[in-house]
PDB file of all heavy atoms in Angstrom:
ATOM      1  N   GLY A   1      -9.361 -16.574   3.904  1.00  0.00           N
ATOM      2  CA  GLY A   1      -8.066 -16.205   3.368  1.00  0.00           C
ATOM      3  C   GLY A   1      -7.925 -16.321   1.776  1.00  0.00           C
ATOM      4  O   GLY A   1      -6.862 -16.350   1.298  1.00  0.00           O
ATOM      5  N   TYR A   2      -9.075 -16.361   1.128  1.00  0.00           N
ATOM      6  CA  TYR A   2      -9.076 -16.582  -0.242  1.00  0.00           C
ATOM      7  C   TYR A   2      -9.081 -15.237  -1.006  1.00  0.00           C
ATOM      8  O   TYR A   2      -9.857 -14.770  -1.534  1.00  0.00           O
ATOM      9  CB  TYR A   2     -10.224 -17.416  -0.789  1.00  0.00           C
ATOM     10  CG  TYR A   2     -10.084 -18.874  -0.727  1.00  0.00           C
ATOM     11  CD1 TYR A   2      -9.592 -19.457   0.403  1.00  0.00           C
ATOM     12  CD2 TYR A   2     -10.258 -19.720  -1.873  1.00  0.00           C
ATOM     13  CE1 TYR A   2      -9.388 -20.886   0.427  1.00  0.00           C
ATOM     14  CE2 TYR A   2     -10.077 -21.041  -1.925  1.00  0.00           C
ATOM     15  CZ  TYR A   2      -9.669 -21.587  -0.683  1.00  0.00           C
ATOM     16  OH  TYR A   2      -9.334 -22.979  -0.618  1.00  0.00           O
ATOM     17  N   ALA A   3      -8.004 -14.542  -0.647  1.00  0.00           N
ATOM     18  CA  ALA A   3      -7.710 -13.191  -0.973  1.00  0.00           C
ATOM     19  C   ALA A   3      -6.132 -13.068  -1.087  1.00  0.00           C
ATOM     20  O   ALA A   3      -5.522 -13.509  -0.178  1.00  0.00           O
ATOM     21  CB  ALA A   3      -8.422 -12.136  -0.213  1.00  0.00           C
ATOM     22  N   THR A   4      -5.520 -12.282  -1.929  1.00  0.00           N
ATOM     23  CA  THR A   4      -4.126 -12.100  -2.074  1.00  0.00           C
ATOM     24  C   THR A   4      -3.701 -10.833  -1.489  1.00  0.00           C
ATOM     25  O   THR A   4      -4.086  -9.715  -2.076  1.00  0.00           O
ATOM     26  CB  THR A   4      -3.742 -12.219  -3.636  1.00  0.00           C
ATOM     27  OG1 THR A   4      -4.202 -13.437  -4.236  1.00  0.00           O
ATOM     28  CG2 THR A   4      -2.288 -12.158  -3.625  1.00  0.00           C
ATOM     29  N   ILE A   5      -3.000 -10.960  -0.395  1.00  0.00           N
ATOM     30  CA  ILE A   5      -2.390  -9.739   0.230  1.00  0.00           C
ATOM     31  C   ILE A   5      -1.476  -9.063  -0.803  1.00  0.00           C
ATOM     32  O   ILE A   5      -0.729  -9.684  -1.471  1.00  0.00           O
ATOM     33  CB  ILE A   5      -1.735 -10.008   1.518  1.00  0.00           C
ATOM     34  CG1 ILE A   5      -1.527  -8.818   2.388  1.00  0.00           C
ATOM     35  CG2 ILE A   5      -0.461 -10.840   1.404  1.00  0.00           C
ATOM     36  CD1 ILE A   5      -1.298  -9.031   3.840  1.00  0.00           C
ATOM     37  N   TYR A   6      -1.581  -7.780  -0.946  1.00  0.00           N
ATOM     38  CA  TYR A   6      -0.825  -6.946  -1.984  1.00  0.00           C
ATOM     39  C   TYR A   6      -1.259  -7.116  -3.368  1.00  0.00           C
ATOM     40  O   TYR A   6      -0.677  -6.724  -4.197  1.00  0.00           O
ATOM     41  CB  TYR A   6       0.647  -7.079  -1.761  1.00  0.00           C
ATOM     42  CG  TYR A   6       1.150  -7.202  -0.271  1.00  0.00           C
ATOM     43  CD1 TYR A   6       1.853  -8.101   0.034  1.00  0.00           C
ATOM     44  CD2 TYR A   6       0.875  -6.267   0.586  1.00  0.00           C
ATOM     45  CE1 TYR A   6       2.305  -8.424   1.263  1.00  0.00           C
ATOM     46  CE2 TYR A   6       1.117  -6.279   1.997  1.00  0.00           C
ATOM     47  CZ  TYR A   6       1.954  -7.425   2.272  1.00  0.00           C
ATOM     48  OH  TYR A   6       2.224  -7.624   3.621  1.00  0.00           O
ATOM     49  N   GLY A   7      -2.357  -7.979  -3.439  1.00  0.00           N
ATOM     50  CA  GLY A   7      -2.970  -8.089  -4.774  1.00  0.00           C
ATOM     51  C   GLY A   7      -4.333  -7.601  -4.888  1.00  0.00           C
ATOM     52  O   GLY A   7      -4.487  -6.373  -4.919  1.00  0.00           O
ATOM     53  N   ASP A   8      -5.336  -8.503  -4.966  1.00  0.00           N
ATOM     54  CA  ASP A   8      -6.713  -8.030  -4.896  1.00  0.00           C
ATOM     55  C   ASP A   8      -7.070  -7.427  -3.686  1.00  0.00           C
ATOM     56  O   ASP A   8      -8.161  -6.903  -3.597  1.00  0.00           O
ATOM     57  CB  ASP A   8      -7.676  -9.200  -5.306  1.00  0.00           C
ATOM     58  CG  ASP A   8      -7.583 -10.357  -4.354  1.00  0.00           C
ATOM     59  OD1 ASP A   8      -6.640 -10.495  -3.559  1.00  0.00           O
ATOM     60  OD2 ASP A   8      -8.540 -11.178  -4.537  1.00  0.00           O
ATOM     61  N   MET A   9      -6.353  -7.403  -2.552  1.00  0.00           N
ATOM     62  CA  MET A   9      -6.763  -6.746  -1.293  1.00  0.00           C
ATOM     63  C   MET A   9      -6.119  -5.355  -1.318  1.00  0.00           C
ATOM     64  O   MET A   9      -6.599  -4.513  -0.426  1.00  0.00           O
ATOM     65  CB  MET A   9      -5.995  -7.590  -0.103  1.00  0.00           C
ATOM     66  CG  MET A   9      -6.751  -8.807   0.234  1.00  0.00           C
ATOM     67  SD  MET A   9      -5.962  -9.668   1.608  1.00  0.00           S
ATOM     68  CE  MET A   9      -6.121  -8.479   2.837  1.00  0.00           C
ATOM     69  N   ALA A  10      -5.394  -4.929  -2.301  1.00  0.00           N
ATOM     70  CA  ALA A  10      -4.852  -3.625  -2.423  1.00  0.00           C
ATOM     71  C   ALA A  10      -5.984  -2.604  -2.699  1.00  0.00           C
ATOM     72  O   ALA A  10      -6.923  -2.807  -3.449  1.00  0.00           O
ATOM     73  CB  ALA A  10      -3.774  -3.440  -3.378  1.00  0.00           C
ATOM     74  N   GLY A  11      -6.008  -1.488  -1.922  1.00  0.00           N
ATOM     75  CA  GLY A  11      -6.980  -0.412  -2.325  1.00  0.00           C
ATOM     76  C   GLY A  11      -7.359   0.368  -1.052  1.00  0.00           C
ATOM     77  O   GLY A  11      -6.788   0.263   0.050  1.00  0.00           O
ATOM     78  N   GLY A  12      -8.222   1.330  -1.076  1.00  0.00           N
ATOM     79  CA  GLY A  12      -8.593   2.183  -0.156  1.00  0.00           C
ATOM     80  C   GLY A  12      -9.913   1.879   0.515  1.00  0.00           C
ATOM     81  O   GLY A  12     -10.227   2.407   1.763  1.00  0.00           O
ATOM     82  N   TYR A  13     -10.813   1.326  -0.071  1.00  0.00           N
ATOM     83  CA  TYR A  13     -12.158   0.957   0.558  1.00  0.00           C
ATOM     84  C   TYR A  13     -12.820  -0.280  -0.030  1.00  0.00           C
ATOM     85  O   TYR A  13     -12.433  -0.653  -1.315  1.00  0.00           O
ATOM     86  CB  TYR A  13     -12.970   2.019   0.402  1.00  0.00           C
ATOM     87  CG  TYR A  13     -14.203   2.207   1.497  1.00  0.00           C
ATOM     88  CD1 TYR A  13     -13.877   2.661   2.758  1.00  0.00           C
ATOM     89  CD2 TYR A  13     -15.495   1.803   1.261  1.00  0.00           C
ATOM     90  CE1 TYR A  13     -14.982   2.639   3.714  1.00  0.00           C
ATOM     91  CE2 TYR A  13     -16.531   1.746   2.062  1.00  0.00           C
ATOM     92  CZ  TYR A  13     -16.269   2.157   3.388  1.00  0.00           C
ATOM     93  OH  TYR A  13     -17.195   2.268   4.371  1.00  0.00           O
ATOM     94  N   ASN A  14     -13.729  -0.968   0.699  1.00  0.00           N
ATOM     95  CA  ASN A  14     -14.342  -2.247   0.130  1.00  0.00           C
ATOM     96  C   ASN A  14     -15.659  -2.284   0.620  1.00  0.00           C
ATOM     97  O   ASN A  14     -15.964  -2.542   1.761  1.00  0.00           O
ATOM     98  CB  ASN A  14     -13.557  -3.399   0.712  1.00  0.00           C
ATOM     99  CG  ASN A  14     -14.103  -4.755   0.203  1.00  0.00           C
ATOM    100  OD1 ASN A  14     -14.986  -4.711  -0.588  1.00  0.00           O
ATOM    101  ND2 ASN A  14     -13.544  -5.904   0.397  1.00  0.00           N
ATOM    102  N   PRO A  15     -16.563  -2.020  -0.363  1.00  0.00           N
ATOM    103  CA  PRO A  15     -18.157  -2.037  -0.014  1.00  0.00           C
ATOM    104  C   PRO A  15     -18.489  -3.448   0.510  1.00  0.00           C
ATOM    105  O   PRO A  15     -19.479  -3.598   1.201  1.00  0.00           O
ATOM    106  CB  PRO A  15     -18.695  -1.636  -1.266  1.00  0.00           C
ATOM    107  CG  PRO A  15     -17.714  -0.884  -2.093  1.00  0.00           C
ATOM    108  CD  PRO A  15     -16.376  -1.607  -1.712  1.00  0.00           C
ATOM    109  N   LEU A  16     -17.827  -4.578   0.044  1.00  0.00           N
ATOM    110  CA  LEU A  16     -18.252  -5.949   0.355  1.00  0.00           C
ATOM    111  C   LEU A  16     -17.582  -6.531   1.511  1.00  0.00           C
ATOM    112  O   LEU A  16     -17.764  -7.677   1.876  1.00  0.00           O
ATOM    113  CB  LEU A  16     -18.101  -6.808  -0.923  1.00  0.00           C
ATOM    114  CG  LEU A  16     -18.688  -6.346  -2.207  1.00  0.00           C
ATOM    115  CD1 LEU A  16     -18.454  -7.310  -3.224  1.00  0.00           C
ATOM    116  CD2 LEU A  16     -20.231  -6.119  -2.011  1.00  0.00           C
ATOM    117  N   LYS A  17     -16.802  -5.721   2.309  1.00  0.00           N
ATOM    118  CA  LYS A  17     -16.025  -6.280   3.363  1.00  0.00           C
ATOM    119  C   LYS A  17     -16.744  -7.068   4.427  1.00  0.00           C
ATOM    120  O   LYS A  17     -16.195  -8.076   4.833  1.00  0.00           O
ATOM    121  CB  LYS A  17     -15.200  -5.206   4.046  1.00  0.00           C
ATOM    122  CG  LYS A  17     -14.227  -5.594   5.125  1.00  0.00           C
ATOM    123  CD  LYS A  17     -13.468  -4.554   5.849  1.00  0.00           C
ATOM    124  CE  LYS A  17     -12.495  -5.135   6.777  1.00  0.00           C
ATOM    125  NZ  LYS A  17     -11.610  -4.039   7.403  1.00  0.00           N
ATOM    126  N   ASP A  18     -17.931  -6.729   4.706  1.00  0.00           N
ATOM    127  CA  ASP A  18     -18.788  -7.393   5.732  1.00  0.00           C
ATOM    128  C   ASP A  18     -19.874  -8.056   5.028  1.00  0.00           C
ATOM    129  O   ASP A  18     -21.035  -8.393   5.766  1.00  0.00           O
ATOM    130  CB  ASP A  18     -19.225  -6.228   6.690  1.00  0.00           C
ATOM    131  CG  ASP A  18     -19.666  -6.918   8.021  1.00  0.00           C
ATOM    132  OD1 ASP A  18     -19.040  -8.015   8.446  1.00  0.00           O
ATOM    133  OD2 ASP A  18     -20.425  -6.381   8.764  1.00  0.00           O
ATOM    134  N   ALA A  19     -19.832  -8.355   3.879  1.00  0.00           N
ATOM    135  CA  ALA A  19     -21.019  -9.020   3.096  1.00  0.00           C
ATOM    136  C   ALA A  19     -20.522 -10.378   2.677  1.00  0.00           C
ATOM    137  O   ALA A  19     -19.581 -10.710   1.962  1.00  0.00           O
ATOM    138  CB  ALA A  19     -21.394  -8.270   1.757  1.00  0.00           C
ATOM    139  N   TYR A  20     -21.190 -11.386   3.125  1.00  0.00           N
ATOM    140  CA  TYR A  20     -20.933 -12.789   2.840  1.00  0.00           C
ATOM    141  C   TYR A  20     -21.383 -13.023   1.270  1.00  0.00           C
ATOM    142  O   TYR A  20     -22.097 -12.309   0.845  1.00  0.00           O
ATOM    143  CB  TYR A  20     -21.670 -13.818   3.653  1.00  0.00           C
ATOM    144  CG  TYR A  20     -21.282 -13.845   5.175  1.00  0.00           C
ATOM    145  CD1 TYR A  20     -21.847 -13.430   6.225  1.00  0.00           C
ATOM    146  CD2 TYR A  20     -19.874 -14.522   5.308  1.00  0.00           C
ATOM    147  CE1 TYR A  20     -21.375 -13.476   7.568  1.00  0.00           C
ATOM    148  CE2 TYR A  20     -19.325 -14.510   6.700  1.00  0.00           C
ATOM    149  CZ  TYR A  20     -20.173 -14.062   7.760  1.00  0.00           C
ATOM    150  OH  TYR A  20     -19.662 -14.083   8.987  1.00  0.00           O
ATOM    151  N   LYS A  21     -20.925 -14.112   0.775  1.00  0.00           N
ATOM    152  CA  LYS A  21     -20.998 -14.322  -0.706  1.00  0.00           C
ATOM    153  C   LYS A  21     -22.614 -14.463  -0.984  1.00  0.00           C
ATOM    154  O   LYS A  21     -22.912 -13.942  -1.982  1.00  0.00           O
ATOM    155  CB  LYS A  21     -20.325 -15.728  -1.137  1.00  0.00           C
ATOM    156  CG  LYS A  21     -20.357 -15.887  -2.657  1.00  0.00           C
ATOM    157  CD  LYS A  21     -19.341 -14.883  -3.336  1.00  0.00           C
ATOM    158  CE  LYS A  21     -19.227 -15.211  -4.790  1.00  0.00           C
ATOM    159  NZ  LYS A  21     -18.060 -14.492  -5.433  1.00  0.00           N
ATOM    160  N   MET A  22     -23.332 -15.130  -0.149  1.00  0.00           N
ATOM    161  CA  MET A  22     -24.647 -15.278  -0.410  1.00  0.00           C
ATOM    162  C   MET A  22     -25.390 -13.854  -0.285  1.00  0.00           C
ATOM    163  O   MET A  22     -26.423 -13.647  -1.106  1.00  0.00           O
ATOM    164  CB  MET A  22     -25.383 -16.197   0.504  1.00  0.00           C
ATOM    165  CG  MET A  22     -24.822 -17.716   0.363  1.00  0.00           C
ATOM    166  SD  MET A  22     -24.856 -18.291  -1.359  1.00  0.00           S
ATOM    167  CE  MET A  22     -26.588 -18.433  -1.641  1.00  0.00           C
ATOM    168  N   THR A  23     -24.885 -12.987   0.480  1.00  0.00           N
ATOM    169  CA  THR A  23     -25.426 -11.637   0.415  1.00  0.00           C
ATOM    170  C   THR A  23     -25.176 -10.862  -0.820  1.00  0.00           C
ATOM    171  O   THR A  23     -25.977 -10.208  -1.378  1.00  0.00           O
ATOM    172  CB  THR A  23     -24.799 -10.820   1.787  1.00  0.00           C
ATOM    173  OG1 THR A  23     -25.198 -11.531   2.918  1.00  0.00           O
ATOM    174  CG2 THR A  23     -25.418  -9.418   1.689  1.00  0.00           C
ATOM    175  N   VAL A  24     -23.868 -11.181  -1.376  1.00  0.00           N
ATOM    176  CA  VAL A  24     -23.463 -10.593  -2.549  1.00  0.00           C
ATOM    177  C   VAL A  24     -24.538 -11.048  -3.804  1.00  0.00           C
ATOM    178  O   VAL A  24     -25.050 -10.283  -4.462  1.00  0.00           O
ATOM    179  CB  VAL A  24     -22.076 -10.907  -2.982  1.00  0.00           C
ATOM    180  CG1 VAL A  24     -21.715 -10.604  -4.384  1.00  0.00           C
ATOM    181  CG2 VAL A  24     -21.127 -10.293  -1.868  1.00  0.00           C
ATOM    182  N   PHE A  25     -24.774 -12.239  -3.710  1.00  0.00           N
ATOM    183  CA  PHE A  25     -25.718 -12.821  -4.715  1.00  0.00           C
ATOM    184  C   PHE A  25     -27.111 -12.131  -4.695  1.00  0.00           C
ATOM    185  O   PHE A  25     -27.871 -11.691  -5.514  1.00  0.00           O
ATOM    186  CB  PHE A  25     -25.880 -14.280  -4.619  1.00  0.00           C
ATOM    187  CG  PHE A  25     -24.777 -15.213  -5.163  1.00  0.00           C
ATOM    188  CD1 PHE A  25     -24.033 -15.987  -4.408  1.00  0.00           C
ATOM    189  CD2 PHE A  25     -24.430 -14.980  -6.441  1.00  0.00           C
ATOM    190  CE1 PHE A  25     -23.042 -16.827  -4.957  1.00  0.00           C
ATOM    191  CE2 PHE A  25     -23.345 -15.803  -6.973  1.00  0.00           C
ATOM    192  CZ  PHE A  25     -22.644 -16.658  -6.198  1.00  0.00           C
ATOM    193  N   ALA A  26     -27.589 -11.921  -3.316  1.00  0.00           N
ATOM    194  CA  ALA A  26     -28.830 -11.383  -3.098  1.00  0.00           C
ATOM    195  C   ALA A  26     -28.871  -9.888  -3.541  1.00  0.00           C
ATOM    196  O   ALA A  26     -30.000  -9.525  -4.133  1.00  0.00           O
ATOM    197  CB  ALA A  26     -29.251 -11.405  -1.588  1.00  0.00           C
ATOM    198  N   ILE A  27     -27.927  -9.054  -3.252  1.00  0.00           N
ATOM    199  CA  ILE A  27     -27.946  -7.721  -3.606  1.00  0.00           C
ATOM    200  C   ILE A  27     -27.730  -7.498  -5.125  1.00  0.00           C
ATOM    201  O   ILE A  27     -28.291  -6.532  -5.616  1.00  0.00           O
ATOM    202  CB  ILE A  27     -26.952  -6.873  -2.756  1.00  0.00           C
ATOM    203  CG1 ILE A  27     -25.460  -7.218  -3.124  1.00  0.00           C
ATOM    204  CG2 ILE A  27     -27.239  -6.912  -1.256  1.00  0.00           C
ATOM    205  CD1 ILE A  27     -24.477  -6.315  -2.410  1.00  0.00           C
ATOM    206  N   ALA A  28     -27.004  -8.378  -5.795  1.00  0.00           N
ATOM    207  CA  ALA A  28     -26.876  -8.357  -7.242  1.00  0.00           C
ATOM    208  C   ALA A  28     -28.133  -8.705  -7.953  1.00  0.00           C
ATOM    209  O   ALA A  28     -28.489  -7.976  -8.815  1.00  0.00           O
ATOM    210  CB  ALA A  28     -25.790  -9.290  -7.627  1.00  0.00           C
ATOM    211  N   LYS A  29     -28.798  -9.680  -7.430  1.00  0.00           N
ATOM    212  CA  LYS A  29     -30.130  -9.993  -8.058  1.00  0.00           C
ATOM    213  C   LYS A  29     -31.158  -8.800  -7.817  1.00  0.00           C
ATOM    214  O   LYS A  29     -31.851  -8.491  -8.703  1.00  0.00           O
ATOM    215  CB  LYS A  29     -30.681 -11.304  -7.447  1.00  0.00           C
ATOM    216  CG  LYS A  29     -31.995 -11.819  -8.011  1.00  0.00           C
ATOM    217  CD  LYS A  29     -32.383 -13.221  -7.475  1.00  0.00           C
ATOM    218  CE  LYS A  29     -33.588 -13.693  -8.091  1.00  0.00           C
ATOM    219  NZ  LYS A  29     -34.811 -12.877  -7.849  1.00  0.00           N
TER     220      LYS A  29
END
């Protein structure tokens, strides 16, 4: 729940929706 409804959750699509944070670090590197 560390996301703000009607805030940073607003939008049409999310490429990271099913990516855990450590996965984000891995793909960024």
